[in-house]
């Protein structure tokens, strides 16, 4: 059975993948949209990656 913490971790990892995919599409699209959104998307990706790593570390610490 999968615990709640793993479900939260997988949701967070999915969000990171989604934002990463959004960023790649933004770079491919280029132009004004890329200029307006690239830094915001990168910030969201970094925040979500940090959150995913934090959740992973907490799972490791509390699973002992």
C-alpha atoms as a PDB file:
ATOM      1  CA  UNK A   1       0.000   0.000   0.000  1.00  0.00           C
ATOM      2  CA  UNK A   2       1.266   3.439  -0.924  1.00  0.00           C
ATOM      3  CA  UNK A   3       1.453   5.941   1.901  1.00  0.00           C
ATOM      4  CA  UNK A   4       0.221   9.520   1.799  1.00  0.00           C
ATOM      5  CA  UNK A   5       3.768  10.915   1.764  1.00  0.00           C
ATOM      6  CA  UNK A   6       4.625   9.040  -1.434  1.00  0.00           C
ATOM      7  CA  UNK A   7       1.467  10.298  -3.100  1.00  0.00           C
ATOM      8  CA  UNK A   8       2.406  13.882  -2.194  1.00  0.00           C
ATOM      9  CA  UNK A   9       5.940  13.286  -3.491  1.00  0.00           C
ATOM     10  CA  UNK A  10       4.675  11.925  -6.824  1.00  0.00           C
ATOM     11  CA  UNK A  11       2.237  14.830  -7.213  1.00  0.00           C
ATOM     12  CA  UNK A  12       5.070  17.283  -6.576  1.00  0.00           C
ATOM     13  CA  UNK A  13       7.329  15.495  -9.055  1.00  0.00           C
ATOM     14  CA  UNK A  14       4.525  15.598 -11.609  1.00  0.00           C
ATOM     15  CA  UNK A  15       4.151  19.333 -11.050  1.00  0.00           C
ATOM     16  CA  UNK A  16       7.893  19.793 -11.624  1.00  0.00           C
ATOM     17  CA  UNK A  17       7.671  17.796 -14.854  1.00  0.00           C
ATOM     18  CA  UNK A  18       4.656  19.828 -15.948  1.00  0.00           C
ATOM     19  CA  UNK A  19       6.368  23.155 -15.348  1.00  0.00           C
ATOM     20  CA  UNK A  20       9.511  21.882 -17.074  1.00  0.00           C
ATOM     21  CA  UNK A  21       7.430  20.844 -20.096  1.00  0.00           C
ATOM     22  CA  UNK A  22       5.705  24.252 -20.060  1.00  0.00           C
ATOM     23  CA  UNK A  23       9.129  25.937 -20.061  1.00  0.00           C
ATOM     24  CA  UNK A  24      10.359  23.859 -22.994  1.00  0.00           C
ATOM     25  CA  UNK A  25       7.222  24.712 -24.969  1.00  0.00           C
ATOM     26  CA  UNK A  26       7.679  28.376 -24.098  1.00  0.00           C
ATOM     27  CA  UNK A  27      11.261  28.347 -25.376  1.00  0.00           C
ATOM     28  CA  UNK A  28      10.154  26.553 -28.537  1.00  0.00           C
ATOM     29  CA  UNK A  29       7.411  29.086 -29.108  1.00  0.00           C
ATOM     30  CA  UNK A  30       9.841  31.987 -28.685  1.00  0.00           C
ATOM     31  CA  UNK A  31       8.996  35.595 -29.315  1.00  0.00           C
ATOM     32  CA  UNK A  32       7.133  37.860 -26.931  1.00  0.00           C
ATOM     33  CA  UNK A  33       5.585  34.990 -24.954  1.00  0.00           C
ATOM     34  CA  UNK A  34       9.017  33.556 -24.176  1.00  0.00           C
ATOM     35  CA  UNK A  35      10.317  36.983 -23.213  1.00  0.00           C
ATOM     36  CA  UNK A  36       7.415  37.592 -20.806  1.00  0.00           C
ATOM     37  CA  UNK A  37       7.163  34.157 -19.171  1.00  0.00           C
ATOM     38  CA  UNK A  38      10.591  32.454 -19.208  1.00  0.00           C
ATOM     39  CA  UNK A  39      11.854  33.844 -15.880  1.00  0.00           C
ATOM     40  CA  UNK A  40       8.550  33.223 -14.106  1.00  0.00           C
ATOM     41  CA  UNK A  41       8.428  29.623 -15.314  1.00  0.00           C
ATOM     42  CA  UNK A  42      12.041  29.067 -14.224  1.00  0.00           C
ATOM     43  CA  UNK A  43      11.271  30.422 -10.748  1.00  0.00           C
ATOM     44  CA  UNK A  44       8.262  28.096 -10.399  1.00  0.00           C
ATOM     45  CA  UNK A  45      10.399  25.151 -11.501  1.00  0.00           C
ATOM     46  CA  UNK A  46      13.079  25.934  -8.933  1.00  0.00           C
ATOM     47  CA  UNK A  47      10.517  26.348  -6.137  1.00  0.00           C
ATOM     48  CA  UNK A  48       8.775  23.080  -7.018  1.00  0.00           C
ATOM     49  CA  UNK A  49      12.093  21.220  -7.293  1.00  0.00           C
ATOM     50  CA  UNK A  50      13.130  22.472  -3.864  1.00  0.00           C
ATOM     51  CA  UNK A  51       9.774  21.380  -2.461  1.00  0.00           C
ATOM     52  CA  UNK A  52      10.114  17.920  -4.034  1.00  0.00           C
ATOM     53  CA  UNK A  53      13.618  17.511  -2.586  1.00  0.00           C
ATOM     54  CA  UNK A  54      12.425  18.657   0.824  1.00  0.00           C
ATOM     55  CA  UNK A  55       9.549  16.165   0.789  1.00  0.00           C
ATOM     56  CA  UNK A  56      11.934  13.406  -0.306  1.00  0.00           C
ATOM     57  CA  UNK A  57      14.379  14.194   2.515  1.00  0.00           C
ATOM     58  CA  UNK A  58      11.552  14.293   5.064  1.00  0.00           C
ATOM     59  CA  UNK A  59      10.301  10.912   3.865  1.00  0.00           C
ATOM     60  CA  UNK A  60      13.799   9.502   4.262  1.00  0.00           C
ATOM     61  CA  UNK A  61      14.207  10.968   7.752  1.00  0.00           C
ATOM     62  CA  UNK A  62      10.838   9.812   9.069  1.00  0.00           C
ATOM     63  CA  UNK A  63      10.939   6.366   7.478  1.00  0.00           C
ATOM     64  CA  UNK A  64      13.770   5.238   9.741  1.00  0.00           C
END
